[in-house]
């Protein structure tokens, strides 16, 4: 998560940055994001299910990490408080 935050800060300072496509093992990418969100999931009483294997992608790592981190953070943020949350990737 630290790497992602630093990349976002760097990008905001630089403005636009060039996309750098690379092979991304999405199982690992999503696992890393899930690890950073574990406390928030626990606090919300939610579970995150990752249906593996996920397909690998060729894309910009920072962009993909930002997209999935935002999606998962929003999923946690907008869970219905009256029932246990279950988020599936």
Protein backbone atom coordinates (compact mmCIF):
# COMPACT_ATOMS: atom_id res chain seq x y z
CA UNK A 1 0.00 0.00 0.00
CA UNK A 2 2.92 2.29 0.76
CA UNK A 3 4.18 1.83 -2.80
CA UNK A 4 0.72 2.65 -4.17
CA UNK A 5 0.34 5.78 -2.02
CA UNK A 6 3.81 7.00 -2.98
CA UNK A 7 3.06 6.37 -6.66
CA UNK A 8 -0.19 8.33 -6.40
CA UNK A 9 1.56 11.22 -4.67
CA UNK A 10 4.32 11.19 -7.26
CA UNK A 11 1.79 11.15 -10.09
CA UNK A 12 -0.15 14.05 -8.57
CA UNK A 13 3.05 16.09 -8.35
CA UNK A 14 4.14 15.28 -11.90
CA UNK A 15 0.74 15.63 -13.51
CA UNK A 16 0.52 13.11 -16.29
CA UNK A 17 2.81 10.14 -16.34
CA UNK A 18 3.59 7.67 -19.05
CA UNK A 19 1.86 4.32 -18.75
CA UNK A 20 4.25 1.41 -18.50
CA UNK A 21 2.62 -1.84 -19.62
CA UNK A 22 3.90 -4.99 -17.94
CA UNK A 23 2.74 -8.53 -17.28
CA UNK A 24 0.71 -8.47 -14.05
CA UNK A 25 0.01 -11.64 -12.04
CA UNK A 26 -3.45 -10.56 -10.88
CA UNK A 27 -3.66 -13.22 -8.14
CA UNK A 28 -0.69 -11.56 -6.46
CA UNK A 29 -1.82 -7.99 -7.21
CA UNK A 30 -5.25 -8.57 -5.65
CA UNK A 31 -3.72 -10.47 -2.69
CA UNK A 32 -1.47 -7.47 -1.96
CA UNK A 33 -4.40 -5.05 -2.11
CA UNK A 34 -6.50 -7.36 0.08
CA UNK A 35 -3.71 -7.48 2.67
CA UNK A 36 -3.68 -3.68 2.89
CA UNK A 37 -7.46 -3.63 3.37
CA UNK A 38 -7.60 -6.41 5.98
CA UNK A 39 -8.12 -4.08 8.94
CA UNK A 40 -10.92 -2.20 7.19
CA UNK A 41 -12.58 -5.50 6.25
CA UNK A 42 -12.32 -6.71 9.84
CA UNK A 43 -13.69 -3.43 11.20
CA UNK A 44 -16.65 -3.68 8.81
CA UNK A 45 -17.26 -7.34 9.65
CA UNK A 46 -16.86 -8.18 5.98
CA UNK A 47 -15.18 -10.97 4.09
CA UNK A 48 -13.31 -10.72 0.82
CA UNK A 49 -13.41 -13.75 -1.47
CA UNK A 50 -10.94 -13.91 -4.34
CA UNK A 51 -11.98 -16.49 -6.91
CA UNK A 52 -8.70 -17.79 -8.26
CA UNK A 53 -7.09 -18.16 -10.64
CA UNK A 54 -7.52 -14.63 -11.92
CA UNK A 55 -6.31 -13.95 -15.45
CA UNK A 56 -3.01 -12.16 -15.78
CA UNK A 57 -3.08 -8.76 -17.48
CA UNK A 58 -0.67 -6.69 -19.48
CA UNK A 59 -1.21 -3.18 -18.22
CA UNK A 60 0.24 -0.39 -16.11
CA UNK A 61 0.73 -1.67 -12.54
CA UNK A 62 0.03 1.60 -10.76
CA UNK A 63 -3.15 2.20 -12.75
CA UNK A 64 -4.47 -1.33 -12.11
CA UNK A 65 -3.59 -1.14 -8.41
CA UNK A 66 -5.40 2.20 -8.13
CA UNK A 67 -8.48 0.89 -9.91
CA UNK A 68 -8.83 -2.27 -7.84
CA UNK A 69 -7.95 -0.57 -4.57
CA UNK A 70 -10.62 2.08 -5.23
CA UNK A 71 -13.22 -0.53 -6.19
CA UNK A 72 -12.57 -2.59 -3.07
CA UNK A 73 -12.42 0.43 -0.77
CA UNK A 74 -15.77 1.61 -2.14
CA UNK A 75 -17.25 -1.86 -1.75
CA UNK A 76 -16.24 -1.81 1.93
CA UNK A 77 -17.36 1.78 2.44
CA UNK A 78 -20.85 1.22 1.04
CA UNK A 79 -21.69 -2.11 2.68
CA UNK A 80 -25.14 -2.29 4.22
CA UNK A 81 -24.52 -1.95 7.97
CA UNK A 82 -27.48 -4.20 8.88
CA UNK A 83 -25.96 -7.35 7.39
CA UNK A 84 -22.55 -8.99 7.07
CA UNK A 85 -20.67 -7.97 3.97
CA UNK A 86 -19.25 -10.33 1.38
CA UNK A 87 -17.15 -8.93 -1.45
CA UNK A 88 -16.18 -11.23 -4.30
CA UNK A 89 -13.44 -10.62 -6.87
